[in-house]
């Protein structure tokens, strides 16, 4: 009995998932986080702060040329900010308390340096994508009306990768999670989905504006060419009249 007690206090405890035939973590059976896990959490927070600083810098850079409406100047930057909050909260709390998220055994176990390292490492490319998405999305909100297929692809890719968070619900139903876990999971997923819809709207809006601009420019060019042609005709008529007067 004493030996079993020692084992239960030193090893993580798993059980079969409610929805899938895979083991999920239900208890780490540890009193204190390891130093490496604490460092992983700190790094995630630093990355989150860096993405927030990048958002501020990009917003200030394009502030003067952003379209003069509430949607482009306030709502979109606010969505990006809320995305950062939910994303960082989810990853930090997931690494801190993986049992609360019923972390799948295959994602929890140590491979190289620590438990939860796969979640930690996945945060790096995801954060880099978000930084690129921020710049391209805000640039598309400027008066330059950039029609960028690259923006659309990158933002959608980031959104889909971020929505992987909803995968927690493929292992356990929402009512098995605590309130804070549900908030971080659902929050990150919903904001990422909203971001994807926003990028589609902006791309389509800019495309339509570019088409209208081309039509307007073609109409202006046609009118200019017509005026030039009329001016040429008038000049020829004037010369003809002058020559007639001289002959008389």
C-alpha atoms as a PDB file:
ATOM      1  CA  UNK A   1       0.000   0.000   0.000  1.00  0.00           C
ATOM      2  CA  UNK A   2       2.809   2.408   0.861  1.00  0.00           C
ATOM      3  CA  UNK A   3       4.547   1.614  -2.415  1.00  0.00           C
ATOM      4  CA  UNK A   4       1.363   2.356  -4.412  1.00  0.00           C
ATOM      5  CA  UNK A   5       0.943   5.608  -2.522  1.00  0.00           C
ATOM      6  CA  UNK A   6       4.436   6.709  -3.481  1.00  0.00           C
ATOM      7  CA  UNK A   7       3.781   5.860  -7.127  1.00  0.00           C
ATOM      8  CA  UNK A   8       0.539   7.833  -7.221  1.00  0.00           C
ATOM      9  CA  UNK A   9       2.289  10.887  -5.841  1.00  0.00           C
ATOM     10  CA  UNK A  10       5.184  10.803  -8.303  1.00  0.00           C
ATOM     11  CA  UNK A  11       3.580   9.737 -11.603  1.00  0.00           C
ATOM     12  CA  UNK A  12       0.913  11.460 -13.693  1.00  0.00           C
ATOM     13  CA  UNK A  13      -2.488   9.794 -13.739  1.00  0.00           C
ATOM     14  CA  UNK A  14      -4.361   9.092 -16.969  1.00  0.00           C
ATOM     15  CA  UNK A  15      -7.757   7.697 -17.882  1.00  0.00           C
ATOM     16  CA  UNK A  16      -9.544   6.877 -21.100  1.00  0.00           C
ATOM     17  CA  UNK A  17     -11.047   9.898 -22.867  1.00  0.00           C
ATOM     18  CA  UNK A  18     -14.822  10.284 -22.870  1.00  0.00           C
ATOM     19  CA  UNK A  19     -15.072  10.677 -26.657  1.00  0.00           C
ATOM     20  CA  UNK A  20     -11.949   8.970 -27.991  1.00  0.00           C
ATOM     21  CA  UNK A  21     -10.106   5.757 -27.352  1.00  0.00           C
ATOM     22  CA  UNK A  22      -7.050   7.633 -26.043  1.00  0.00           C
ATOM     23  CA  UNK A  23      -5.638   8.359 -22.614  1.00  0.00           C
ATOM     24  CA  UNK A  24      -5.961  11.870 -21.180  1.00  0.00           C
ATOM     25  CA  UNK A  25      -4.278  13.408 -18.161  1.00  0.00           C
ATOM     26  CA  UNK A  26      -6.442  13.845 -15.060  1.00  0.00           C
ATOM     27  CA  UNK A  27      -3.741  14.535 -12.454  1.00  0.00           C
ATOM     28  CA  UNK A  28      -0.030  15.319 -12.460  1.00  0.00           C
ATOM     29  CA  UNK A  29       0.332  14.338  -8.794  1.00  0.00           C
ATOM     30  CA  UNK A  30       2.996  16.952  -8.173  1.00  0.00           C
ATOM     31  CA  UNK A  31       3.052  19.725  -5.606  1.00  0.00           C
ATOM     32  CA  UNK A  32       5.361  22.105  -7.477  1.00  0.00           C
ATOM     33  CA  UNK A  33       6.097  22.817 -11.130  1.00  0.00           C
ATOM     34  CA  UNK A  34       9.570  22.029 -12.386  1.00  0.00           C
ATOM     35  CA  UNK A  35      11.912  24.898 -13.227  1.00  0.00           C
ATOM     36  CA  UNK A  36      11.721  24.124 -16.928  1.00  0.00           C
ATOM     37  CA  UNK A  37       7.902  24.335 -16.879  1.00  0.00           C
ATOM     38  CA  UNK A  38       8.098  27.691 -15.105  1.00  0.00           C
ATOM     39  CA  UNK A  39      10.544  28.928 -17.740  1.00  0.00           C
ATOM     40  CA  UNK A  40       8.207  27.693 -20.504  1.00  0.00           C
ATOM     41  CA  UNK A  41       5.366  29.724 -18.976  1.00  0.00           C
ATOM     42  CA  UNK A  42       7.570  32.824 -18.691  1.00  0.00           C
ATOM     43  CA  UNK A  43       8.666  32.475 -22.332  1.00  0.00           C
ATOM     44  CA  UNK A  44       5.011  32.214 -23.448  1.00  0.00           C
ATOM     45  CA  UNK A  45       4.209  35.397 -21.541  1.00  0.00           C
ATOM     46  CA  UNK A  46       7.209  37.189 -23.093  1.00  0.00           C
ATOM     47  CA  UNK A  47       6.115  36.081 -26.571  1.00  0.00           C
ATOM     48  CA  UNK A  48       2.627  37.390 -25.828  1.00  0.00           C
ATOM     49  CA  UNK A  49       4.010  40.753 -24.718  1.00  0.00           C
ATOM     50  CA  UNK A  50       6.118  40.878 -27.893  1.00  0.00           C
ATOM     51  CA  UNK A  51       3.079  40.301 -30.117  1.00  0.00           C
ATOM     52  CA  UNK A  52       1.233  43.056 -28.242  1.00  0.00           C
ATOM     53  CA  UNK A  53       4.145  45.479 -28.730  1.00  0.00           C
ATOM     54  CA  UNK A  54       4.234  44.544 -32.419  1.00  0.00           C
ATOM     55  CA  UNK A  55       0.506  45.321 -32.679  1.00  0.00           C
ATOM     56  CA  UNK A  56       1.045  48.765 -31.133  1.00  0.00           C
ATOM     57  CA  UNK A  57       4.028  49.534 -33.390  1.00  0.00           C
ATOM     58  CA  UNK A  58       2.195  48.478 -36.576  1.00  0.00           C
ATOM     59  CA  UNK A  59      -0.932  50.407 -35.557  1.00  0.00           C
ATOM     60  CA  UNK A  60       1.072  53.600 -34.940  1.00  0.00           C
ATOM     61  CA  UNK A  61       2.880  53.111 -38.260  1.00  0.00           C
ATOM     62  CA  UNK A  62      -0.357  52.918 -40.262  1.00  0.00           C
ATOM     63  CA  UNK A  63      -2.549  55.086 -38.041  1.00  0.00           C
ATOM     64  CA  UNK A  64      -2.470  58.153 -40.298  1.00  0.00           C
ATOM     65  CA  UNK A  65      -3.453  56.214 -43.421  1.00  0.00           C
ATOM     66  CA  UNK A  66      -6.040  53.863 -41.890  1.00  0.00           C
ATOM     67  CA  UNK A  67      -9.498  54.218 -43.388  1.00  0.00           C
ATOM     68  CA  UNK A  68     -11.564  56.799 -41.536  1.00  0.00           C
ATOM     69  CA  UNK A  69     -14.206  54.552 -40.032  1.00  0.00           C
ATOM     70  CA  UNK A  70     -14.781  52.751 -36.732  1.00  0.00           C
ATOM     71  CA  UNK A  71     -14.442  49.267 -38.180  1.00  0.00           C
ATOM     72  CA  UNK A  72     -10.935  49.684 -39.640  1.00  0.00           C
ATOM     73  CA  UNK A  73      -9.488  52.047 -37.019  1.00  0.00           C
ATOM     74  CA  UNK A  74     -10.892  50.556 -33.786  1.00  0.00           C
ATOM     75  CA  UNK A  75     -12.700  47.233 -34.155  1.00  0.00           C
ATOM     76  CA  UNK A  76     -10.041  45.334 -36.110  1.00  0.00           C
ATOM     77  CA  UNK A  77      -7.130  46.384 -33.823  1.00  0.00           C
ATOM     78  CA  UNK A  78      -9.367  45.498 -30.849  1.00  0.00           C
ATOM     79  CA  UNK A  79     -10.029  42.011 -32.272  1.00  0.00           C
ATOM     80  CA  UNK A  80      -6.282  41.508 -32.687  1.00  0.00           C
ATOM     81  CA  UNK A  81      -5.703  42.618 -29.081  1.00  0.00           C
ATOM     82  CA  UNK A  82      -8.413  40.308 -27.693  1.00  0.00           C
ATOM     83  CA  UNK A  83      -6.907  37.470 -29.727  1.00  0.00           C
ATOM     84  CA  UNK A  84      -3.571  38.019 -27.984  1.00  0.00           C
ATOM     85  CA  UNK A  85      -5.235  37.942 -24.555  1.00  0.00           C
ATOM     86  CA  UNK A  86      -7.079  34.672 -25.152  1.00  0.00           C
ATOM     87  CA  UNK A  87      -4.162  33.010 -26.926  1.00  0.00           C
ATOM     88  CA  UNK A  88      -1.602  33.795 -24.232  1.00  0.00           C
ATOM     89  CA  UNK A  89      -4.041  32.936 -21.438  1.00  0.00           C
ATOM     90  CA  UNK A  90      -4.827  29.582 -23.004  1.00  0.00           C
ATOM     91  CA  UNK A  91      -1.232  28.509 -23.635  1.00  0.00           C
ATOM     92  CA  UNK A  92       0.067  29.707 -20.279  1.00  0.00           C
ATOM     93  CA  UNK A  93      -2.752  28.079 -18.326  1.00  0.00           C
ATOM     94  CA  UNK A  94      -2.582  24.893 -20.412  1.00  0.00           C
ATOM     95  CA  UNK A  95       1.130  24.469 -19.680  1.00  0.00           C
ATOM     96  CA  UNK A  96       0.566  25.359 -16.010  1.00  0.00           C
ATOM     97  CA  UNK A  97      -2.404  23.003 -15.524  1.00  0.00           C
ATOM     98  CA  UNK A  98      -2.560  20.372 -18.307  1.00  0.00           C
ATOM     99  CA  UNK A  99      -4.755  18.083 -16.192  1.00  0.00           C
ATOM    100  CA  UNK A 100      -7.451  20.764 -16.170  1.00  0.00           C
ATOM    101  CA  UNK A 101      -7.503  20.566 -19.977  1.00  0.00           C
ATOM    102  CA  UNK A 102      -7.490  16.745 -20.021  1.00  0.00           C
ATOM    103  CA  UNK A 103      -4.305  16.891 -22.076  1.00  0.00           C
ATOM    104  CA  UNK A 104      -3.907  13.846 -24.344  1.00  0.00           C
ATOM    105  CA  UNK A 105      -1.121  11.573 -23.157  1.00  0.00           C
ATOM    106  CA  UNK A 106       0.656  11.753 -26.528  1.00  0.00           C
ATOM    107  CA  UNK A 107       0.880  15.561 -26.229  1.00  0.00           C
ATOM    108  CA  UNK A 108       1.712  15.651 -22.539  1.00  0.00           C
ATOM    109  CA  UNK A 109       4.630  13.227 -22.234  1.00  0.00           C
ATOM    110  CA  UNK A 110       8.222  14.438 -22.341  1.00  0.00           C
ATOM    111  CA  UNK A 111      10.120  13.771 -25.575  1.00  0.00           C
ATOM    112  CA  UNK A 112      13.154  16.051 -25.337  1.00  0.00           C
ATOM    113  CA  UNK A 113      13.197  18.389 -22.352  1.00  0.00           C
ATOM    114  CA  UNK A 114       9.857  18.530 -20.503  1.00  0.00           C
ATOM    115  CA  UNK A 115       6.210  17.586 -20.305  1.00  0.00           C
ATOM    116  CA  UNK A 116       3.969  19.863 -22.405  1.00  0.00           C
ATOM    117  CA  UNK A 117       6.897  20.688 -24.686  1.00  0.00           C
ATOM    118  CA  UNK A 118       4.840  20.077 -27.846  1.00  0.00           C
ATOM    119  CA  UNK A 119       2.295  22.735 -26.874  1.00  0.00           C
ATOM    120  CA  UNK A 120       5.126  25.076 -25.903  1.00  0.00           C
ATOM    121  CA  UNK A 121       6.991  24.614 -29.211  1.00  0.00           C
ATOM    122  CA  UNK A 122       3.826  24.935 -31.306  1.00  0.00           C
ATOM    123  CA  UNK A 123       3.373  28.426 -29.869  1.00  0.00           C
ATOM    124  CA  UNK A 124       6.456  29.728 -31.705  1.00  0.00           C
ATOM    125  CA  UNK A 125       5.333  29.318 -35.362  1.00  0.00           C
ATOM    126  CA  UNK A 126       1.812  30.328 -34.338  1.00  0.00           C
ATOM    127  CA  UNK A 127       3.048  33.588 -32.790  1.00  0.00           C
ATOM    128  CA  UNK A 128       5.250  34.339 -35.814  1.00  0.00           C
ATOM    129  CA  UNK A 129       2.235  33.857 -38.080  1.00  0.00           C
ATOM    130  CA  UNK A 130       0.219  36.218 -35.897  1.00  0.00           C
ATOM    131  CA  UNK A 131       2.885  38.938 -36.141  1.00  0.00           C
ATOM    132  CA  UNK A 132       2.892  38.656 -39.946  1.00  0.00           C
ATOM    133  CA  UNK A 133      -0.921  38.544 -40.013  1.00  0.00           C
ATOM    134  CA  UNK A 134      -1.122  41.711 -37.917  1.00  0.00           C
ATOM    135  CA  UNK A 135       1.051  43.691 -40.330  1.00  0.00           C
ATOM    136  CA  UNK A 136      -0.691  42.481 -43.480  1.00  0.00           C
ATOM    137  CA  UNK A 137      -4.204  42.837 -42.060  1.00  0.00           C
ATOM    138  CA  UNK A 138      -3.680  46.402 -40.827  1.00  0.00           C
ATOM    139  CA  UNK A 139      -1.989  47.345 -44.112  1.00  0.00           C
ATOM    140  CA  UNK A 140      -5.105  46.119 -45.902  1.00  0.00           C
ATOM    141  CA  UNK A 141      -7.145  48.487 -43.714  1.00  0.00           C
ATOM    142  CA  UNK A 142      -5.356  51.568 -45.022  1.00  0.00           C
ATOM    143  CA  UNK A 143      -6.438  53.993 -47.752  1.00  0.00           C
ATOM    144  CA  UNK A 144      -4.077  52.215 -50.132  1.00  0.00           C
ATOM    145  CA  UNK A 145      -6.777  49.527 -50.438  1.00  0.00           C
ATOM    146  CA  UNK A 146      -4.259  46.739 -50.818  1.00  0.00           C
ATOM    147  CA  UNK A 147      -5.753  43.680 -52.512  1.00  0.00           C
ATOM    148  CA  UNK A 148      -3.425  41.101 -50.975  1.00  0.00           C
ATOM    149  CA  UNK A 149      -4.078  37.414 -51.470  1.00  0.00           C
ATOM    150  CA  UNK A 150      -1.051  36.859 -49.218  1.00  0.00           C
ATOM    151  CA  UNK A 151      -2.874  38.602 -46.356  1.00  0.00           C
ATOM    152  CA  UNK A 152      -5.892  36.375 -46.815  1.00  0.00           C
ATOM    153  CA  UNK A 153      -3.856  33.163 -46.925  1.00  0.00           C
ATOM    154  CA  UNK A 154      -1.717  34.022 -43.890  1.00  0.00           C
ATOM    155  CA  UNK A 155      -4.611  35.190 -41.707  1.00  0.00           C
ATOM    156  CA  UNK A 156      -6.709  32.132 -42.585  1.00  0.00           C
ATOM    157  CA  UNK A 157      -3.738  29.844 -41.910  1.00  0.00           C
ATOM    158  CA  UNK A 158      -3.156  31.499 -38.541  1.00  0.00           C
ATOM    159  CA  UNK A 159      -6.851  31.306 -37.661  1.00  0.00           C
ATOM    160  CA  UNK A 160      -7.105  27.611 -38.514  1.00  0.00           C
ATOM    161  CA  UNK A 161      -3.983  26.808 -36.495  1.00  0.00           C
ATOM    162  CA  UNK A 162      -5.299  28.844 -33.572  1.00  0.00           C
ATOM    163  CA  UNK A 163      -8.672  27.085 -33.731  1.00  0.00           C
ATOM    164  CA  UNK A 164      -6.904  23.800 -33.015  1.00  0.00           C
ATOM    165  CA  UNK A 165      -7.634  24.757 -29.400  1.00  0.00           C
ATOM    166  CA  UNK A 166     -11.203  23.525 -29.858  1.00  0.00           C
ATOM    167  CA  UNK A 167      -9.669  20.065 -30.171  1.00  0.00           C
ATOM    168  CA  UNK A 168      -9.920  19.804 -26.373  1.00  0.00           C
ATOM    169  CA  UNK A 169     -13.649  19.286 -26.855  1.00  0.00           C
ATOM    170  CA  UNK A 170     -13.019  16.247 -29.056  1.00  0.00           C
ATOM    171  CA  UNK A 171     -11.693  14.458 -25.960  1.00  0.00           C
ATOM    172  CA  UNK A 172     -14.029  15.705 -23.233  1.00  0.00           C
ATOM    173  CA  UNK A 173     -17.384  17.572 -23.162  1.00  0.00           C
ATOM    174  CA  UNK A 174     -17.333  21.254 -22.103  1.00  0.00           C
ATOM    175  CA  UNK A 175     -19.025  20.526 -18.759  1.00  0.00           C
ATOM    176  CA  UNK A 176     -16.010  18.453 -17.674  1.00  0.00           C
ATOM    177  CA  UNK A 177     -13.772  21.528 -17.882  1.00  0.00           C
ATOM    178  CA  UNK A 178     -13.548  24.319 -15.341  1.00  0.00           C
ATOM    179  CA  UNK A 179     -14.907  27.774 -16.146  1.00  0.00           C
ATOM    180  CA  UNK A 180     -11.480  29.281 -16.804  1.00  0.00           C
ATOM    181  CA  UNK A 181     -10.528  26.399 -19.113  1.00  0.00           C
ATOM    182  CA  UNK A 182     -13.742  26.801 -21.101  1.00  0.00           C
ATOM    183  CA  UNK A 183     -13.176  30.560 -21.337  1.00  0.00           C
ATOM    184  CA  UNK A 184      -9.643  30.183 -22.738  1.00  0.00           C
ATOM    185  CA  UNK A 185     -10.556  27.338 -25.125  1.00  0.00           C
ATOM    186  CA  UNK A 186     -13.777  28.850 -26.466  1.00  0.00           C
ATOM    187  CA  UNK A 187     -12.389  32.403 -26.364  1.00  0.00           C
ATOM    188  CA  UNK A 188      -9.320  31.674 -28.476  1.00  0.00           C
ATOM    189  CA  UNK A 189     -11.349  29.593 -30.944  1.00  0.00           C
ATOM    190  CA  UNK A 190     -14.113  32.169 -31.382  1.00  0.00           C
ATOM    191  CA  UNK A 191     -11.770  35.144 -31.788  1.00  0.00           C
ATOM    192  CA  UNK A 192      -9.667  33.226 -34.340  1.00  0.00           C
ATOM    193  CA  UNK A 193     -12.838  32.415 -36.283  1.00  0.00           C
ATOM    194  CA  UNK A 194     -13.937  36.073 -36.174  1.00  0.00           C
ATOM    195  CA  UNK A 195     -10.476  37.099 -37.403  1.00  0.00           C
ATOM    196  CA  UNK A 196     -10.810  34.750 -40.369  1.00  0.00           C
ATOM    197  CA  UNK A 197     -14.235  36.178 -41.287  1.00  0.00           C
ATOM    198  CA  UNK A 198     -12.869  39.731 -40.969  1.00  0.00           C
ATOM    199  CA  UNK A 199      -9.958  38.951 -43.315  1.00  0.00           C
ATOM    200  CA  UNK A 200     -12.380  37.554 -45.912  1.00  0.00           C
ATOM    201  CA  UNK A 201     -14.561  40.669 -45.623  1.00  0.00           C
ATOM    202  CA  UNK A 202     -11.605  43.054 -45.984  1.00  0.00           C
ATOM    203  CA  UNK A 203     -10.202  41.156 -48.953  1.00  0.00           C
ATOM    204  CA  UNK A 204     -13.553  41.170 -50.749  1.00  0.00           C
ATOM    205  CA  UNK A 205     -14.181  44.818 -49.879  1.00  0.00           C
ATOM    206  CA  UNK A 206     -10.771  45.900 -51.190  1.00  0.00           C
ATOM    207  CA  UNK A 207     -11.269  43.827 -54.336  1.00  0.00           C
ATOM    208  CA  UNK A 208     -14.579  45.561 -55.076  1.00  0.00           C
ATOM    209  CA  UNK A 209     -13.047  48.990 -54.430  1.00  0.00           C
ATOM    210  CA  UNK A 210     -10.170  48.201 -56.785  1.00  0.00           C
ATOM    211  CA  UNK A 211     -12.641  47.212 -59.510  1.00  0.00           C
ATOM    212  CA  UNK A 212     -14.612  50.434 -59.018  1.00  0.00           C
ATOM    213  CA  UNK A 213     -11.364  52.421 -59.111  1.00  0.00           C
ATOM    214  CA  UNK A 214     -10.397  50.808 -62.421  1.00  0.00           C
ATOM    215  CA  UNK A 215     -13.787  51.593 -63.946  1.00  0.00           C
ATOM    216  CA  UNK A 216     -13.568  55.189 -62.732  1.00  0.00           C
ATOM    217  CA  UNK A 217     -10.062  55.545 -64.092  1.00  0.00           C
ATOM    218  CA  UNK A 218     -11.045  54.049 -67.459  1.00  0.00           C
ATOM    219  CA  UNK A 219     -13.990  56.442 -67.635  1.00  0.00           C
ATOM    220  CA  UNK A 220     -11.712  59.378 -66.857  1.00  0.00           C
ATOM    221  CA  UNK A 221      -9.187  58.282 -69.487  1.00  0.00           C
ATOM    222  CA  UNK A 222     -11.935  57.890 -72.096  1.00  0.00           C
ATOM    223  CA  UNK A 223     -13.230  61.367 -71.317  1.00  0.00           C
ATOM    224  CA  UNK A 224      -9.718  62.809 -71.501  1.00  0.00           C
ATOM    225  CA  UNK A 225      -9.064  61.114 -74.845  1.00  0.00           C
ATOM    226  CA  UNK A 226     -12.420  62.373 -76.103  1.00  0.00           C
ATOM    227  CA  UNK A 227     -11.566  65.925 -75.037  1.00  0.00           C
ATOM    228  CA  UNK A 228      -8.206  65.655 -76.769  1.00  0.00           C
ATOM    229  CA  UNK A 229      -9.869  64.392 -79.961  1.00  0.00           C
ATOM    230  CA  UNK A 230     -12.443  67.192 -79.861  1.00  0.00           C
ATOM    231  CA  UNK A 231      -9.678  69.721 -79.322  1.00  0.00           C
ATOM    232  CA  UNK A 232      -7.856  68.362 -82.370  1.00  0.00           C
ATOM    233  CA  UNK A 233     -10.990  68.639 -84.493  1.00  0.00           C
ATOM    234  CA  UNK A 234     -11.608  72.196 -83.317  1.00  0.00           C
ATOM    235  CA  UNK A 235      -8.018  73.143 -84.180  1.00  0.00           C
ATOM    236  CA  UNK A 236      -8.395  71.744 -87.685  1.00  0.00           C
ATOM    237  CA  UNK A 237     -11.674  73.626 -88.163  1.00  0.00           C
ATOM    238  CA  UNK A 238     -10.017  76.830 -86.963  1.00  0.00           C
ATOM    239  CA  UNK A 239      -7.119  76.390 -89.385  1.00  0.00           C
ATOM    240  CA  UNK A 240      -9.567  75.730 -92.191  1.00  0.00           C
ATOM    241  CA  UNK A 241     -11.445  78.952 -91.450  1.00  0.00           C
ATOM    242  CA  UNK A 242      -8.180  80.949 -91.325  1.00  0.00           C
ATOM    243  CA  UNK A 243      -7.057  79.571 -94.687  1.00  0.00           C
ATOM    244  CA  UNK A 244     -10.458  80.399 -96.229  1.00  0.00           C
ATOM    245  CA  UNK A 245     -10.264  83.955 -94.950  1.00  0.00           C
ATOM    246  CA  UNK A 246      -6.730  84.348 -96.353  1.00  0.00           C
ATOM    247  CA  UNK A 247      -7.827  83.086 -99.772  1.00  0.00           C
ATOM    248  CA  UNK A 248     -10.610  85.656 -99.830  1.00  0.00           C
END
